[in-house]
Every structure is written in structure tokens, then in C-alpha cells.
Amino acid sequence: MSDYATKVHRDLGGDSLTIDPGGTVNFSGVAFTVNAAGKLVITGLPTADPHVVGQLYSNGGALTVSAG
């Protein structure tokens, strides 16, 4: 029997994903990881304002939402 445990799964009957500690979901080069302590870590965000309303970016290390 395998010791493998799924760390990312779709909730039964839902349209959302659950990420358990140690799991990662990647979207176009941006990784959303839940670390062992259960904290969300986001890597791969652009570092300049993308000028797209609502898009996230890292502004000197601060998570920022673009106003467009």
C-alpha cells in the first residue's frame, strides 16, 4: 500500500479546490503553496504593476492588487 496522500483535491460536489499542507497549485507560473504550518505562500507573482484591474503583484514584497 502506498503512503502517498493527495494534497490538492476538489471538494465533493463543489467548484473549489482544497490544498492541504504540503500541496501546491500552479496557475501560469504563479504557485500557491500551503506550507507545513498551514500558511499560504505565493511565489512567481510579477514585481511590476501589470495594469490589469484586480491582478495581484508583489510591490517590494507587499502583496498588491492592481487598480488597472
PDB file of N, CA and C in Angstrom:
ATOM      1  N   MET A   1       0.842  -1.188   0.000  1.00  0.00           N
ATOM      2  CA  MET A   1       0.000   0.000   0.000  1.00  0.00           C
ATOM      3  C   MET A   1       0.881   1.243   0.000  1.00  0.00           C
ATOM      4  N   SER A   2       0.492   2.255  -0.727  1.00  0.00           N
ATOM      5  CA  SER A   2       1.265   3.481  -0.858  1.00  0.00           C
ATOM      6  C   SER A   2       1.035   4.414   0.323  1.00  0.00           C
ATOM      7  N   ASP A   3       2.064   5.180   0.666  1.00  0.00           N
ATOM      8  CA  ASP A   3       1.960   6.203   1.710  1.00  0.00           C
ATOM      9  C   ASP A   3       1.564   7.552   1.113  1.00  0.00           C
ATOM     10  N   TYR A   4       1.358   7.583  -0.210  1.00  0.00           N
ATOM     11  CA  TYR A   4       1.027   8.829  -0.889  1.00  0.00           C
ATOM     12  C   TYR A   4      -0.341   9.320  -0.446  1.00  0.00           C
ATOM     13  N   ALA A   5      -0.432  10.615  -0.117  1.00  0.00           N
ATOM     14  CA  ALA A   5      -1.706  11.233   0.237  1.00  0.00           C
ATOM     15  C   ALA A   5      -1.913  12.439  -0.675  1.00  0.00           C
ATOM     16  N   THR A   6      -3.074  12.560  -1.267  1.00  0.00           N
ATOM     17  CA  THR A   6      -3.391  13.688  -2.132  1.00  0.00           C
ATOM     18  C   THR A   6      -3.404  14.967  -1.306  1.00  0.00           C
ATOM     19  N   LYS A   7      -2.682  15.979  -1.753  1.00  0.00           N
ATOM     20  CA  LYS A   7      -2.594  17.235  -1.023  1.00  0.00           C
ATOM     21  C   LYS A   7      -3.469  18.324  -1.631  1.00  0.00           C
ATOM     22  N   VAL A   8      -3.919  18.094  -2.868  1.00  0.00           N
ATOM     23  CA  VAL A   8      -4.832  19.022  -3.531  1.00  0.00           C
ATOM     24  C   VAL A   8      -5.987  18.203  -4.070  1.00  0.00           C
ATOM     25  N   HIS A   9      -7.210  18.589  -3.707  1.00  0.00           N
ATOM     26  CA  HIS A   9      -8.369  17.832  -4.187  1.00  0.00           C
ATOM     27  C   HIS A   9      -9.571  18.747  -4.349  1.00  0.00           C
ATOM     28  N   ARG A  10     -10.462  18.329  -5.231  1.00  0.00           N
ATOM     29  CA  ARG A  10     -11.711  19.060  -5.453  1.00  0.00           C
ATOM     30  C   ARG A  10     -12.722  18.562  -4.423  1.00  0.00           C
ATOM     31  N   ASP A  11     -13.361  19.517  -3.758  1.00  0.00           N
ATOM     32  CA  ASP A  11     -14.372  19.158  -2.772  1.00  0.00           C
ATOM     33  C   ASP A  11     -15.559  18.485  -3.453  1.00  0.00           C
ATOM     34  N   LEU A  12     -16.107  17.477  -2.821  1.00  0.00           N
ATOM     35  CA  LEU A  12     -17.216  16.718  -3.371  1.00  0.00           C
ATOM     36  C   LEU A  12     -18.388  17.638  -3.704  1.00  0.00           C
ATOM     37  N   GLY A  13     -18.816  17.614  -4.955  1.00  0.00           N
ATOM     38  CA  GLY A  13     -19.963  18.400  -5.382  1.00  0.00           C
ATOM     39  C   GLY A  13     -19.704  19.891  -5.472  1.00  0.00           C
ATOM     40  N   GLY A  14     -18.443  20.301  -5.366  1.00  0.00           N
ATOM     41  CA  GLY A  14     -18.149  21.731  -5.366  1.00  0.00           C
ATOM     42  C   GLY A  14     -17.289  22.169  -6.525  1.00  0.00           C
ATOM     43  N   ASP A  15     -17.129  23.464  -6.603  1.00  0.00           N
ATOM     44  CA  ASP A  15     -16.301  24.056  -7.651  1.00  0.00           C
ATOM     45  C   ASP A  15     -15.025  24.652  -7.066  1.00  0.00           C
ATOM     46  N   SER A  16     -14.603  24.168  -5.910  1.00  0.00           N
ATOM     47  CA  SER A  16     -13.401  24.704  -5.285  1.00  0.00           C
ATOM     48  C   SER A  16     -12.380  23.598  -5.055  1.00  0.00           C
ATOM     49  N   LEU A  17     -11.128  24.023  -4.884  1.00  0.00           N
ATOM     50  CA  LEU A  17     -10.047  23.091  -4.575  1.00  0.00           C
ATOM     51  C   LEU A  17      -9.636  23.286  -3.124  1.00  0.00           C
ATOM     52  N   THR A  18      -9.261  22.222  -2.472  1.00  0.00           N
ATOM     53  CA  THR A  18      -8.687  22.285  -1.138  1.00  0.00           C
ATOM     54  C   THR A  18      -7.217  21.919  -1.254  1.00  0.00           C
ATOM     55  N   ILE A  19      -6.362  22.744  -0.640  1.00  0.00           N
ATOM     56  CA  ILE A  19      -4.923  22.483  -0.642  1.00  0.00           C
ATOM     57  C   ILE A  19      -4.527  22.161   0.791  1.00  0.00           C
ATOM     58  N   ASP A  20      -4.112  20.936   1.025  1.00  0.00           N
ATOM     59  CA  ASP A  20      -3.655  20.521   2.343  1.00  0.00           C
ATOM     60  C   ASP A  20      -2.185  20.897   2.503  1.00  0.00           C
ATOM     61  N   PRO A  21      -1.686  20.990   3.764  1.00  0.00           N
ATOM     62  CA  PRO A  21      -0.276  21.315   3.976  1.00  0.00           C
ATOM     63  C   PRO A  21       0.642  20.457   3.107  1.00  0.00           C
ATOM     64  N   GLY A  22       1.570  21.130   2.424  1.00  0.00           N
ATOM     65  CA  GLY A  22       2.497  20.461   1.518  1.00  0.00           C
ATOM     66  C   GLY A  22       2.037  20.447   0.081  1.00  0.00           C
ATOM     67  N   GLY A  23       0.817  20.910  -0.176  1.00  0.00           N
ATOM     68  CA  GLY A  23       0.269  20.917  -1.533  1.00  0.00           C
ATOM     69  C   GLY A  23       0.505  22.233  -2.239  1.00  0.00           C
ATOM     70  N   THR A  24       0.556  22.172  -3.572  1.00  0.00           N
ATOM     71  CA  THR A  24       0.779  23.360  -4.387  1.00  0.00           C
ATOM     72  C   THR A  24      -0.142  23.315  -5.602  1.00  0.00           C
ATOM     73  N   VAL A  25      -0.669  24.490  -5.957  1.00  0.00           N
ATOM     74  CA  VAL A  25      -1.435  24.653  -7.192  1.00  0.00           C
ATOM     75  C   VAL A  25      -0.722  25.736  -7.997  1.00  0.00           C
ATOM     76  N   ASN A  26      -0.490  25.477  -9.294  1.00  0.00           N
ATOM     77  CA  ASN A  26       0.193  26.433 -10.162  1.00  0.00           C
ATOM     78  C   ASN A  26      -0.777  26.984 -11.198  1.00  0.00           C
ATOM     79  N   PHE A  27      -0.722  28.314 -11.370  1.00  0.00           N
ATOM     80  CA  PHE A  27      -1.516  28.995 -12.391  1.00  0.00           C
ATOM     81  C   PHE A  27      -0.579  29.900 -13.179  1.00  0.00           C
ATOM     82  N   SER A  28      -0.303  29.549 -14.403  1.00  0.00           N
ATOM     83  CA  SER A  28       0.511  30.388 -15.301  1.00  0.00           C
ATOM     84  C   SER A  28       1.795  30.870 -14.642  1.00  0.00           C
ATOM     85  N   GLY A  29       2.500  29.980 -13.979  1.00  0.00           N
ATOM     86  CA  GLY A  29       3.784  30.325 -13.380  1.00  0.00           C
ATOM     87  C   GLY A  29       3.724  30.863 -11.972  1.00  0.00           C
ATOM     88  N   VAL A  30       2.522  31.070 -11.432  1.00  0.00           N
ATOM     89  CA  VAL A  30       2.375  31.520 -10.050  1.00  0.00           C
ATOM     90  C   VAL A  30       1.974  30.309  -9.218  1.00  0.00           C
ATOM     91  N   ALA A  31       2.747  30.044  -8.149  1.00  0.00           N
ATOM     92  CA  ALA A  31       2.493  28.879  -7.307  1.00  0.00           C
ATOM     93  C   ALA A  31       1.859  29.299  -5.983  1.00  0.00           C
ATOM     94  N   PHE A  32       0.771  28.636  -5.632  1.00  0.00           N
ATOM     95  CA  PHE A  32       0.097  28.816  -4.354  1.00  0.00           C
ATOM     96  C   PHE A  32       0.358  27.548  -3.554  1.00  0.00           C
ATOM     97  N   THR A  33       1.140  27.666  -2.482  1.00  0.00           N
ATOM     98  CA  THR A  33       1.544  26.515  -1.685  1.00  0.00           C
ATOM     99  C   THR A  33       1.073  26.698  -0.250  1.00  0.00           C
ATOM    100  N   VAL A  34       0.604  25.631   0.363  1.00  0.00           N
ATOM    101  CA  VAL A  34       0.299  25.647   1.794  1.00  0.00           C
ATOM    102  C   VAL A  34       1.462  24.931   2.469  1.00  0.00           C
ATOM    103  N   ASN A  35       2.182  25.663   3.345  1.00  0.00           N
ATOM    104  CA  ASN A  35       3.345  25.060   3.989  1.00  0.00           C
ATOM    105  C   ASN A  35       2.914  24.154   5.144  1.00  0.00           C
ATOM    106  N   ALA A  36       3.870  23.523   5.791  1.00  0.00           N
ATOM    107  CA  ALA A  36       3.585  22.565   6.865  1.00  0.00           C
ATOM    108  C   ALA A  36       2.837  23.202   8.033  1.00  0.00           C
ATOM    109  N   ALA A  37       2.995  24.516   8.208  1.00  0.00           N
ATOM    110  CA  ALA A  37       2.312  25.231   9.292  1.00  0.00           C
ATOM    111  C   ALA A  37       0.904  25.670   8.891  1.00  0.00           C
ATOM    112  N   GLY A  38       0.508  25.364   7.642  1.00  0.00           N
ATOM    113  CA  GLY A  38      -0.824  25.730   7.176  1.00  0.00           C
ATOM    114  C   GLY A  38      -0.927  27.143   6.635  1.00  0.00           C
ATOM    115  N   LYS A  39       0.202  27.801   6.393  1.00  0.00           N
ATOM    116  CA  LYS A  39       0.214  29.173   5.882  1.00  0.00           C
ATOM    117  C   LYS A  39       0.337  29.171   4.360  1.00  0.00           C
ATOM    118  N   LEU A  40      -0.365  30.098   3.715  1.00  0.00           N
ATOM    119  CA  LEU A  40      -0.319  30.221   2.261  1.00  0.00           C
ATOM    120  C   LEU A  40       0.925  30.986   1.840  1.00  0.00           C
ATOM    121  N   VAL A  41       1.684  30.426   0.894  1.00  0.00           N
ATOM    122  CA  VAL A  41       2.872  31.065   0.337  1.00  0.00           C
ATOM    123  C   VAL A  41       2.651  31.198  -1.168  1.00  0.00           C
ATOM    124  N   ILE A  42       2.782  32.425  -1.687  1.00  0.00           N
ATOM    125  CA  ILE A  42       2.584  32.678  -3.110  1.00  0.00           C
ATOM    126  C   ILE A  42       3.926  33.070  -3.715  1.00  0.00           C
ATOM    127  N   THR A  43       4.346  32.348  -4.749  1.00  0.00           N
ATOM    128  CA  THR A  43       5.594  32.671  -5.431  1.00  0.00           C
ATOM    129  C   THR A  43       5.331  32.841  -6.921  1.00  0.00           C
ATOM    130  N   GLY A  44       6.179  33.618  -7.566  1.00  0.00           N
ATOM    131  CA  GLY A  44       6.075  33.795  -9.010  1.00  0.00           C
ATOM    132  C   GLY A  44       5.208  34.956  -9.447  1.00  0.00           C
ATOM    133  N   LEU A  45       4.789  35.811  -8.503  1.00  0.00           N
ATOM    134  CA  LEU A  45       3.996  36.975  -8.901  1.00  0.00           C
ATOM    135  C   LEU A  45       4.865  37.987  -9.637  1.00  0.00           C
ATOM    136  N   PRO A  46       4.276  38.756 -10.560  1.00  0.00           N
ATOM    137  CA  PRO A  46       5.058  39.808 -11.201  1.00  0.00           C
ATOM    138  C   PRO A  46       5.492  40.837 -10.155  1.00  0.00           C
ATOM    139  N   THR A  47       6.607  41.530 -10.422  1.00  0.00           N
ATOM    140  CA  THR A  47       7.110  42.518  -9.468  1.00  0.00           C
ATOM    141  C   THR A  47       6.830  43.948  -9.910  1.00  0.00           C
ATOM    142  N   ALA A  48       6.177  44.102 -11.031  1.00  0.00           N
ATOM    143  CA  ALA A  48       5.766  45.426 -11.512  1.00  0.00           C
ATOM    144  C   ALA A  48       4.247  45.410 -11.690  1.00  0.00           C
ATOM    145  N   ASP A  49       3.642  46.569 -11.533  1.00  0.00           N
ATOM    146  CA  ASP A  49       2.195  46.684 -11.710  1.00  0.00           C
ATOM    147  C   ASP A  49       1.819  46.248 -13.126  1.00  0.00           C
ATOM    148  N   PRO A  50       0.967  45.206 -13.258  1.00  0.00           N
ATOM    149  CA  PRO A  50       0.584  44.724 -14.590  1.00  0.00           C
ATOM    150  C   PRO A  50      -0.467  45.600 -15.278  1.00  0.00           C
ATOM    151  N   HIS A  51      -1.017  46.575 -14.557  1.00  0.00           N
ATOM    152  CA  HIS A  51      -2.046  47.475 -15.084  1.00  0.00           C
ATOM    153  C   HIS A  51      -3.260  46.711 -15.596  1.00  0.00           C
ATOM    154  N   VAL A  52      -3.630  45.658 -14.852  1.00  0.00           N
ATOM    155  CA  VAL A  52      -4.836  44.878 -15.129  1.00  0.00           C
ATOM    156  C   VAL A  52      -5.660  44.905 -13.846  1.00  0.00           C
ATOM    157  N   VAL A  53      -6.860  45.460 -13.920  1.00  0.00           N
ATOM    158  CA  VAL A  53      -7.690  45.602 -12.723  1.00  0.00           C
ATOM    159  C   VAL A  53      -7.842  44.275 -12.001  1.00  0.00           C
ATOM    160  N   GLY A  54      -7.492  44.272 -10.718  1.00  0.00           N
ATOM    161  CA  GLY A  54      -7.683  43.094  -9.874  1.00  0.00           C
ATOM    162  C   GLY A  54      -6.535  42.097  -9.876  1.00  0.00           C
ATOM    163  N   GLN A  55      -5.541  42.258 -10.758  1.00  0.00           N
ATOM    164  CA  GLN A  55      -4.432  41.304 -10.802  1.00  0.00           C
ATOM    165  C   GLN A  55      -3.478  41.559  -9.641  1.00  0.00           C
ATOM    166  N   LEU A  56      -3.007  40.460  -9.016  1.00  0.00           N
ATOM    167  CA  LEU A  56      -2.063  40.554  -7.916  1.00  0.00           C
ATOM    168  C   LEU A  56      -0.644  40.724  -8.440  1.00  0.00           C
ATOM    169  N   TYR A  57       0.173  41.477  -7.656  1.00  0.00           N
ATOM    170  CA  TYR A  57       1.599  41.572  -7.937  1.00  0.00           C
ATOM    171  C   TYR A  57       2.335  41.870  -6.639  1.00  0.00           C
ATOM    172  N   SER A  58       3.650  41.649  -6.657  1.00  0.00           N
ATOM    173  CA  SER A  58       4.486  41.897  -5.487  1.00  0.00           C
ATOM    174  C   SER A  58       5.111  43.278  -5.634  1.00  0.00           C
ATOM    175  N   ASN A  59       4.733  44.190  -4.759  1.00  0.00           N
ATOM    176  CA  ASN A  59       5.220  45.564  -4.794  1.00  0.00           C
ATOM    177  C   ASN A  59       6.248  45.723  -3.691  1.00  0.00           C
ATOM    178  N   GLY A  60       7.512  45.382  -3.993  1.00  0.00           N
ATOM    179  CA  GLY A  60       8.561  45.457  -2.987  1.00  0.00           C
ATOM    180  C   GLY A  60       8.343  44.463  -1.864  1.00  0.00           C
ATOM    181  N   GLY A  61       7.720  43.340  -2.175  1.00  0.00           N
ATOM    182  CA  GLY A  61       7.460  42.299  -1.178  1.00  0.00           C
ATOM    183  C   GLY A  61       6.084  42.392  -0.535  1.00  0.00           C
ATOM    184  N   ALA A  62       5.342  43.457  -0.845  1.00  0.00           N
ATOM    185  CA  ALA A  62       3.975  43.605  -0.315  1.00  0.00           C
ATOM    186  C   ALA A  62       2.967  43.161  -1.368  1.00  0.00           C
ATOM    187  N   LEU A  63       2.063  42.270  -0.996  1.00  0.00           N
ATOM    188  CA  LEU A  63       1.026  41.808  -1.909  1.00  0.00           C
ATOM    189  C   LEU A  63       0.123  42.989  -2.247  1.00  0.00           C
ATOM    190  N   THR A  64      -0.026  43.255  -3.555  1.00  0.00           N
ATOM    191  CA  THR A  64      -0.764  44.433  -4.008  1.00  0.00           C
ATOM    192  C   THR A  64      -1.747  44.019  -5.104  1.00  0.00           C
ATOM    193  N   VAL A  65      -2.903  44.685  -5.129  1.00  0.00           N
ATOM    194  CA  VAL A  65      -3.902  44.460  -6.163  1.00  0.00           C
ATOM    195  C   VAL A  65      -3.852  45.636  -7.132  1.00  0.00           C
ATOM    196  N   SER A  66      -3.674  45.349  -8.395  1.00  0.00           N
ATOM    197  CA  SER A  66      -3.562  46.400  -9.403  1.00  0.00           C
ATOM    198  C   SER A  66      -4.908  47.111  -9.593  1.00  0.00           C
ATOM    199  N   ALA A  67      -4.833  48.428  -9.717  1.00  0.00           N
ATOM    200  CA  ALA A  67      -6.030  49.241  -9.993  1.00  0.00           C
ATOM    201  C   ALA A  67      -6.270  49.352 -11.500  1.00  0.00           C
ATOM    202  N   GLY A  68      -5.346  48.818 -12.279  1.00  0.00           N
ATOM    203  CA  GLY A  68      -5.505  48.847 -13.737  1.00  0.00           C
ATOM    204  C   GLY A  68      -4.682  49.900 -14.394  1.00  0.00           C
TER     205      GLY A  68
END
